[in-house]
Amino acid sequence: MTTESPQWVKSSYSNNGGSCVEWAPSNASATGVVPVRDSKQVSGPVLNVPVGAFASFVAGVKAGEFGTV
């Protein structure tokens, strides 16, 4: 297990209108999870998504499976 602090990355799909999602891929291979949070509430809750589920979600976003806003 790693004790490093996550290196947060803002989603390229987040716009400047406040809909900001961040993820921390840096420890995913060591921990098996991808932390995800709301960048407007950095001290708020973090969702720990299993790597496989996160990869499936990203593939679905790229394929347009969730529509557009």
PDB file of N, CA and C in Angstrom:
ATOM      1  N   MET A   1       0.840  -1.167   0.000  1.00  0.00           N
ATOM      2  CA  MET A   1       0.000   0.000   0.000  1.00  0.00           C
ATOM      3  C   MET A   1       0.886   1.231   0.000  1.00  0.00           C
ATOM      4  N   THR A   2       0.450   2.280  -0.666  1.00  0.00           N
ATOM      5  CA  THR A   2       1.225   3.505  -0.763  1.00  0.00           C
ATOM      6  C   THR A   2       0.686   4.564   0.198  1.00  0.00           C
ATOM      7  N   THR A   3       1.572   5.417   0.670  1.00  0.00           N
ATOM      8  CA  THR A   3       1.149   6.487   1.576  1.00  0.00           C
ATOM      9  C   THR A   3       1.258   7.846   0.907  1.00  0.00           C
ATOM     10  N   GLU A   4       1.582   7.872  -0.375  1.00  0.00           N
ATOM     11  CA  GLU A   4       1.701   9.128  -1.104  1.00  0.00           C
ATOM     12  C   GLU A   4       0.343   9.817  -1.205  1.00  0.00           C
ATOM     13  N   SER A   5       0.384  11.157  -1.169  1.00  0.00           N
ATOM     14  CA  SER A   5      -0.838  11.924  -1.390  1.00  0.00           C
ATOM     15  C   SER A   5      -1.221  11.830  -2.859  1.00  0.00           C
ATOM     16  N   PRO A   6      -2.510  11.747  -3.141  1.00  0.00           N
ATOM     17  CA  PRO A   6      -2.938  11.673  -4.542  1.00  0.00           C
ATOM     18  C   PRO A   6      -2.553  12.924  -5.320  1.00  0.00           C
ATOM     19  N   GLN A   7      -2.182  12.753  -6.565  1.00  0.00           N
ATOM     20  CA  GLN A   7      -1.917  13.859  -7.484  1.00  0.00           C
ATOM     21  C   GLN A   7      -3.200  14.076  -8.289  1.00  0.00           C
ATOM     22  N   TRP A   8      -3.967  15.099  -7.938  1.00  0.00           N
ATOM     23  CA  TRP A   8      -5.275  15.333  -8.541  1.00  0.00           C
ATOM     24  C   TRP A   8      -5.149  15.952  -9.921  1.00  0.00           C
ATOM     25  N   VAL A   9      -5.987  15.473 -10.856  1.00  0.00           N
ATOM     26  CA  VAL A   9      -6.034  15.940 -12.236  1.00  0.00           C
ATOM     27  C   VAL A   9      -7.482  16.319 -12.541  1.00  0.00           C
ATOM     28  N   LYS A  10      -7.678  17.508 -13.109  1.00  0.00           N
ATOM     29  CA  LYS A  10      -9.041  17.924 -13.473  1.00  0.00           C
ATOM     30  C   LYS A  10      -9.438  17.263 -14.786  1.00  0.00           C
ATOM     31  N   SER A  11     -10.649  16.781 -14.851  1.00  0.00           N
ATOM     32  CA  SER A  11     -11.151  16.128 -16.048  1.00  0.00           C
ATOM     33  C   SER A  11     -11.149  17.082 -17.234  1.00  0.00           C
ATOM     34  N   SER A  12     -10.743  16.579 -18.396  1.00  0.00           N
ATOM     35  CA  SER A  12     -10.782  17.397 -19.603  1.00  0.00           C
ATOM     36  C   SER A  12     -12.218  17.653 -20.053  1.00  0.00           C
ATOM     37  N   TYR A  13     -13.178  16.917 -19.498  1.00  0.00           N
ATOM     38  CA  TYR A  13     -14.584  17.124 -19.828  1.00  0.00           C
ATOM     39  C   TYR A  13     -15.237  18.173 -18.930  1.00  0.00           C
ATOM     40  N   SER A  14     -14.544  18.613 -17.891  1.00  0.00           N
ATOM     41  CA  SER A  14     -15.075  19.662 -17.022  1.00  0.00           C
ATOM     42  C   SER A  14     -14.972  20.990 -17.752  1.00  0.00           C
ATOM     43  N   ASN A  15     -16.018  21.782 -17.634  1.00  0.00           N
ATOM     44  CA  ASN A  15     -15.976  23.093 -18.273  1.00  0.00           C
ATOM     45  C   ASN A  15     -15.704  24.158 -17.225  1.00  0.00           C
ATOM     46  N   ASN A  16     -15.586  25.391 -17.629  1.00  0.00           N
ATOM     47  CA  ASN A  16     -15.309  26.472 -16.688  1.00  0.00           C
ATOM     48  C   ASN A  16     -16.557  26.965 -15.972  1.00  0.00           C
ATOM     49  N   GLY A  17     -17.663  26.294 -16.143  1.00  0.00           N
ATOM     50  CA  GLY A  17     -18.911  26.699 -15.504  1.00  0.00           C
ATOM     51  C   GLY A  17     -19.112  26.121 -14.122  1.00  0.00           C
ATOM     52  N   GLY A  18     -18.116  25.480 -13.562  1.00  0.00           N
ATOM     53  CA  GLY A  18     -18.211  24.961 -12.209  1.00  0.00           C
ATOM     54  C   GLY A  18     -18.449  23.472 -12.107  1.00  0.00           C
ATOM     55  N   SER A  19     -18.644  22.790 -13.222  1.00  0.00           N
ATOM     56  CA  SER A  19     -18.856  21.342 -13.198  1.00  0.00           C
ATOM     57  C   SER A  19     -17.501  20.648 -13.262  1.00  0.00           C
ATOM     58  N   CYS A  20     -16.801  20.618 -12.143  1.00  0.00           N
ATOM     59  CA  CYS A  20     -15.426  20.125 -12.156  1.00  0.00           C
ATOM     60  C   CYS A  20     -15.274  18.818 -11.392  1.00  0.00           C
ATOM     61  N   VAL A  21     -14.755  17.847 -12.086  1.00  0.00           N
ATOM     62  CA  VAL A  21     -14.470  16.547 -11.488  1.00  0.00           C
ATOM     63  C   VAL A  21     -12.967  16.340 -11.570  1.00  0.00           C
ATOM     64  N   GLU A  22     -12.379  15.865 -10.473  1.00  0.00           N
ATOM     65  CA  GLU A  22     -10.961  15.554 -10.460  1.00  0.00           C
ATOM     66  C   GLU A  22     -10.778  14.076 -10.158  1.00  0.00           C
ATOM     67  N   TRP A  23      -9.709  13.522 -10.662  1.00  0.00           N
ATOM     68  CA  TRP A  23      -9.379  12.138 -10.385  1.00  0.00           C
ATOM     69  C   TRP A  23      -7.889  12.064 -10.088  1.00  0.00           C
ATOM     70  N   ALA A  24      -7.473  11.025  -9.416  1.00  0.00           N
ATOM     71  CA  ALA A  24      -6.076  10.876  -9.020  1.00  0.00           C
ATOM     72  C   ALA A  24      -5.538   9.536  -9.520  1.00  0.00           C
ATOM     73  N   PRO A  25      -5.007   9.527 -10.745  1.00  0.00           N
ATOM     74  CA  PRO A  25      -4.548   8.265 -11.336  1.00  0.00           C
ATOM     75  C   PRO A  25      -3.198   7.784 -10.829  1.00  0.00           C
ATOM     76  N   SER A  26      -2.451   8.628 -10.119  1.00  0.00           N
ATOM     77  CA  SER A  26      -1.056   8.317  -9.786  1.00  0.00           C
ATOM     78  C   SER A  26      -0.864   7.042  -8.967  1.00  0.00           C
ATOM     79  N   ASN A  27      -1.774   6.699  -8.100  1.00  0.00           N
ATOM     80  CA  ASN A  27      -1.618   5.518  -7.250  1.00  0.00           C
ATOM     81  C   ASN A  27      -2.506   4.350  -7.676  1.00  0.00           C
ATOM     82  N   ALA A  28      -3.175   4.464  -8.804  1.00  0.00           N
ATOM     83  CA  ALA A  28      -4.154   3.459  -9.211  1.00  0.00           C
ATOM     84  C   ALA A  28      -3.549   2.067  -9.376  1.00  0.00           C
ATOM     85  N   SER A  29      -2.366   1.981  -9.955  1.00  0.00           N
ATOM     86  CA  SER A  29      -1.787   0.653 -10.165  1.00  0.00           C
ATOM     87  C   SER A  29      -1.384  -0.001  -8.849  1.00  0.00           C
ATOM     88  N   ALA A  30      -0.995   0.791  -7.862  1.00  0.00           N
ATOM     89  CA  ALA A  30      -0.585   0.240  -6.568  1.00  0.00           C
ATOM     90  C   ALA A  30      -1.772  -0.100  -5.676  1.00  0.00           C
ATOM     91  N   THR A  31      -2.860   0.686  -5.800  1.00  0.00           N
ATOM     92  CA  THR A  31      -3.991   0.517  -4.887  1.00  0.00           C
ATOM     93  C   THR A  31      -5.173  -0.218  -5.502  1.00  0.00           C
ATOM     94  N   GLY A  32      -5.272  -0.208  -6.846  1.00  0.00           N
ATOM     95  CA  GLY A  32      -6.410  -0.845  -7.512  1.00  0.00           C
ATOM     96  C   GLY A  32      -7.659   0.004  -7.531  1.00  0.00           C
ATOM     97  N   VAL A  33      -7.549   1.262  -7.080  1.00  0.00           N
ATOM     98  CA  VAL A  33      -8.697   2.172  -7.104  1.00  0.00           C
ATOM     99  C   VAL A  33      -8.274   3.519  -7.679  1.00  0.00           C
ATOM    100  N   VAL A  34      -9.250   4.235  -8.242  1.00  0.00           N
ATOM    101  CA  VAL A  34      -9.040   5.587  -8.744  1.00  0.00           C
ATOM    102  C   VAL A  34      -9.881   6.516  -7.879  1.00  0.00           C
ATOM    103  N   PRO A  35      -9.255   7.386  -7.083  1.00  0.00           N
ATOM    104  CA  PRO A  35     -10.014   8.352  -6.297  1.00  0.00           C
ATOM    105  C   PRO A  35     -10.622   9.420  -7.205  1.00  0.00           C
ATOM    106  N   VAL A  36     -11.865   9.807  -6.932  1.00  0.00           N
ATOM    107  CA  VAL A  36     -12.584  10.823  -7.699  1.00  0.00           C
ATOM    108  C   VAL A  36     -13.219  11.783  -6.705  1.00  0.00           C
ATOM    109  N   ARG A  37     -13.151  13.089  -6.997  1.00  0.00           N
ATOM    110  CA  ARG A  37     -13.750  14.086  -6.097  1.00  0.00           C
ATOM    111  C   ARG A  37     -14.277  15.280  -6.874  1.00  0.00           C
ATOM    112  N   ASP A  38     -15.059  16.085  -6.197  1.00  0.00           N
ATOM    113  CA  ASP A  38     -15.571  17.358  -6.704  1.00  0.00           C
ATOM    114  C   ASP A  38     -14.517  18.413  -6.404  1.00  0.00           C
ATOM    115  N   SER A  39     -13.977  19.055  -7.430  1.00  0.00           N
ATOM    116  CA  SER A  39     -12.893  20.010  -7.214  1.00  0.00           C
ATOM    117  C   SER A  39     -13.346  21.263  -6.476  1.00  0.00           C
ATOM    118  N   LYS A  40     -14.641  21.496  -6.409  1.00  0.00           N
ATOM    119  CA  LYS A  40     -15.148  22.650  -5.668  1.00  0.00           C
ATOM    120  C   LYS A  40     -15.194  22.369  -4.170  1.00  0.00           C
ATOM    121  N   GLN A  41     -15.064  21.114  -3.785  1.00  0.00           N
ATOM    122  CA  GLN A  41     -15.099  20.717  -2.374  1.00  0.00           C
ATOM    123  C   GLN A  41     -13.933  19.764  -2.105  1.00  0.00           C
ATOM    124  N   VAL A  42     -12.715  20.299  -2.165  1.00  0.00           N
ATOM    125  CA  VAL A  42     -11.530  19.442  -2.067  1.00  0.00           C
ATOM    126  C   VAL A  42     -11.394  18.735  -0.725  1.00  0.00           C
ATOM    127  N   SER A  43     -12.020  19.259   0.301  1.00  0.00           N
ATOM    128  CA  SER A  43     -11.973  18.566   1.594  1.00  0.00           C
ATOM    129  C   SER A  43     -13.202  17.686   1.804  1.00  0.00           C
ATOM    130  N   GLY A  44     -14.045  17.607   0.773  1.00  0.00           N
ATOM    131  CA  GLY A  44     -15.256  16.790   0.845  1.00  0.00           C
ATOM    132  C   GLY A  44     -14.955  15.327   0.594  1.00  0.00           C
ATOM    133  N   PRO A  45     -15.991  14.537   0.380  1.00  0.00           N
ATOM    134  CA  PRO A  45     -15.816  13.088   0.205  1.00  0.00           C
ATOM    135  C   PRO A  45     -15.080  12.742  -1.090  1.00  0.00           C
ATOM    136  N   VAL A  46     -14.407  11.609  -1.058  1.00  0.00           N
ATOM    137  CA  VAL A  46     -13.701  11.063  -2.213  1.00  0.00           C
ATOM    138  C   VAL A  46     -14.301   9.695  -2.503  1.00  0.00           C
ATOM    139  N   LEU A  47     -14.656   9.468  -3.748  1.00  0.00           N
ATOM    140  CA  LEU A  47     -15.140   8.154  -4.171  1.00  0.00           C
ATOM    141  C   LEU A  47     -13.946   7.345  -4.644  1.00  0.00           C
ATOM    142  N   ASN A  48     -13.776   6.151  -4.128  1.00  0.00           N
ATOM    143  CA  ASN A  48     -12.711   5.248  -4.567  1.00  0.00           C
ATOM    144  C   ASN A  48     -13.317   4.215  -5.499  1.00  0.00           C
ATOM    145  N   VAL A  49     -13.083   4.406  -6.800  1.00  0.00           N
ATOM    146  CA  VAL A  49     -13.682   3.571  -7.837  1.00  0.00           C
ATOM    147  C   VAL A  49     -12.667   2.509  -8.274  1.00  0.00           C
ATOM    148  N   PRO A  50     -13.062   1.228  -8.315  1.00  0.00           N
ATOM    149  CA  PRO A  50     -12.148   0.193  -8.799  1.00  0.00           C
ATOM    150  C   PRO A  50     -11.639   0.530 -10.211  1.00  0.00           C
ATOM    151  N   VAL A  51     -10.375   0.224 -10.471  1.00  0.00           N
ATOM    152  CA  VAL A  51      -9.732   0.575 -11.734  1.00  0.00           C
ATOM    153  C   VAL A  51     -10.531   0.090 -12.938  1.00  0.00           C
ATOM    154  N   GLY A  52     -11.012  -1.139 -12.915  1.00  0.00           N
ATOM    155  CA  GLY A  52     -11.772  -1.677 -14.045  1.00  0.00           C
ATOM    156  C   GLY A  52     -13.066  -0.925 -14.295  1.00  0.00           C
ATOM    157  N   ALA A  53     -13.759  -0.569 -13.228  1.00  0.00           N
ATOM    158  CA  ALA A  53     -15.008   0.179 -13.361  1.00  0.00           C
ATOM    159  C   ALA A  53     -14.739   1.578 -13.899  1.00  0.00           C
ATOM    160  N   PHE A  54     -13.663   2.196 -13.441  1.00  0.00           N
ATOM    161  CA  PHE A  54     -13.316   3.542 -13.921  1.00  0.00           C
ATOM    162  C   PHE A  54     -12.968   3.493 -15.411  1.00  0.00           C
ATOM    163  N   ALA A  55     -12.198   2.487 -15.813  1.00  0.00           N
ATOM    164  CA  ALA A  55     -11.838   2.340 -17.227  1.00  0.00           C
ATOM    165  C   ALA A  55     -13.078   2.146 -18.091  1.00  0.00           C
ATOM    166  N   SER A  56     -14.041   1.367 -17.610  1.00  0.00           N
ATOM    167  CA  SER A  56     -15.289   1.166 -18.359  1.00  0.00           C
ATOM    168  C   SER A  56     -16.081   2.463 -18.466  1.00  0.00           C
ATOM    169  N   PHE A  57     -16.118   3.227 -17.390  1.00  0.00           N
ATOM    170  CA  PHE A  57     -16.817   4.508 -17.398  1.00  0.00           C
ATOM    171  C   PHE A  57     -16.185   5.457 -18.417  1.00  0.00           C
ATOM    172  N   VAL A  58     -14.861   5.589 -18.383  1.00  0.00           N
ATOM    173  CA  VAL A  58     -14.169   6.484 -19.318  1.00  0.00           C
ATOM    174  C   VAL A  58     -14.415   6.053 -20.762  1.00  0.00           C
ATOM    175  N   ALA A  59     -14.378   4.751 -21.023  1.00  0.00           N
ATOM    176  CA  ALA A  59     -14.646   4.255 -22.367  1.00  0.00           C
ATOM    177  C   ALA A  59     -16.062   4.627 -22.801  1.00  0.00           C
ATOM    178  N   GLY A  60     -17.025   4.532 -21.884  1.00  0.00           N
ATOM    179  CA  GLY A  60     -18.393   4.898 -22.192  1.00  0.00           C
ATOM    180  C   GLY A  60     -18.545   6.383 -22.480  1.00  0.00           C
ATOM    181  N   VAL A  61     -17.846   7.220 -21.727  1.00  0.00           N
ATOM    182  CA  VAL A  61     -17.879   8.673 -21.967  1.00  0.00           C
ATOM    183  C   VAL A  61     -17.319   8.969 -23.350  1.00  0.00           C
ATOM    184  N   LYS A  62     -16.174   8.368 -23.658  1.00  0.00           N
ATOM    185  CA  LYS A  62     -15.535   8.617 -24.966  1.00  0.00           C
ATOM    186  C   LYS A  62     -16.412   8.136 -26.111  1.00  0.00           C
ATOM    187  N   ALA A  63     -17.186   7.074 -25.894  1.00  0.00           N
ATOM    188  CA  ALA A  63     -18.056   6.529 -26.938  1.00  0.00           C
ATOM    189  C   ALA A  63     -19.378   7.274 -27.045  1.00  0.00           C
ATOM    190  N   GLY A  64     -19.624   8.230 -26.147  1.00  0.00           N
ATOM    191  CA  GLY A  64     -20.862   8.996 -26.185  1.00  0.00           C
ATOM    192  C   GLY A  64     -22.059   8.258 -25.617  1.00  0.00           C
ATOM    193  N   GLU A  65     -21.826   7.241 -24.802  1.00  0.00           N
ATOM    194  CA  GLU A  65     -22.922   6.426 -24.269  1.00  0.00           C
ATOM    195  C   GLU A  65     -23.801   7.151 -23.256  1.00  0.00           C
ATOM    196  N   PHE A  66     -23.329   8.275 -22.737  1.00  0.00           N
ATOM    197  CA  PHE A  66     -24.096   8.978 -21.705  1.00  0.00           C
ATOM    198  C   PHE A  66     -24.759  10.245 -22.210  1.00  0.00           C
ATOM    199  N   GLY A  67     -24.699  10.483 -23.514  1.00  0.00           N
ATOM    200  CA  GLY A  67     -25.329  11.653 -24.092  1.00  0.00           C
ATOM    201  C   GLY A  67     -24.548  12.920 -23.796  1.00  0.00           C
ATOM    202  N   THR A  68     -25.186  14.031 -24.071  1.00  0.00           N
ATOM    203  CA  THR A  68     -24.567  15.336 -23.817  1.00  0.00           C
ATOM    204  C   THR A  68     -25.539  16.198 -23.040  1.00  0.00           C
ATOM    205  N   VAL A  69     -24.991  17.224 -22.431  1.00  0.00           N
ATOM    206  CA  VAL A  69     -25.821  18.140 -21.637  1.00  0.00           C
ATOM    207  C   VAL A  69     -26.206  19.322 -22.466  1.00  0.00           C
TER     208      VAL A  69
END
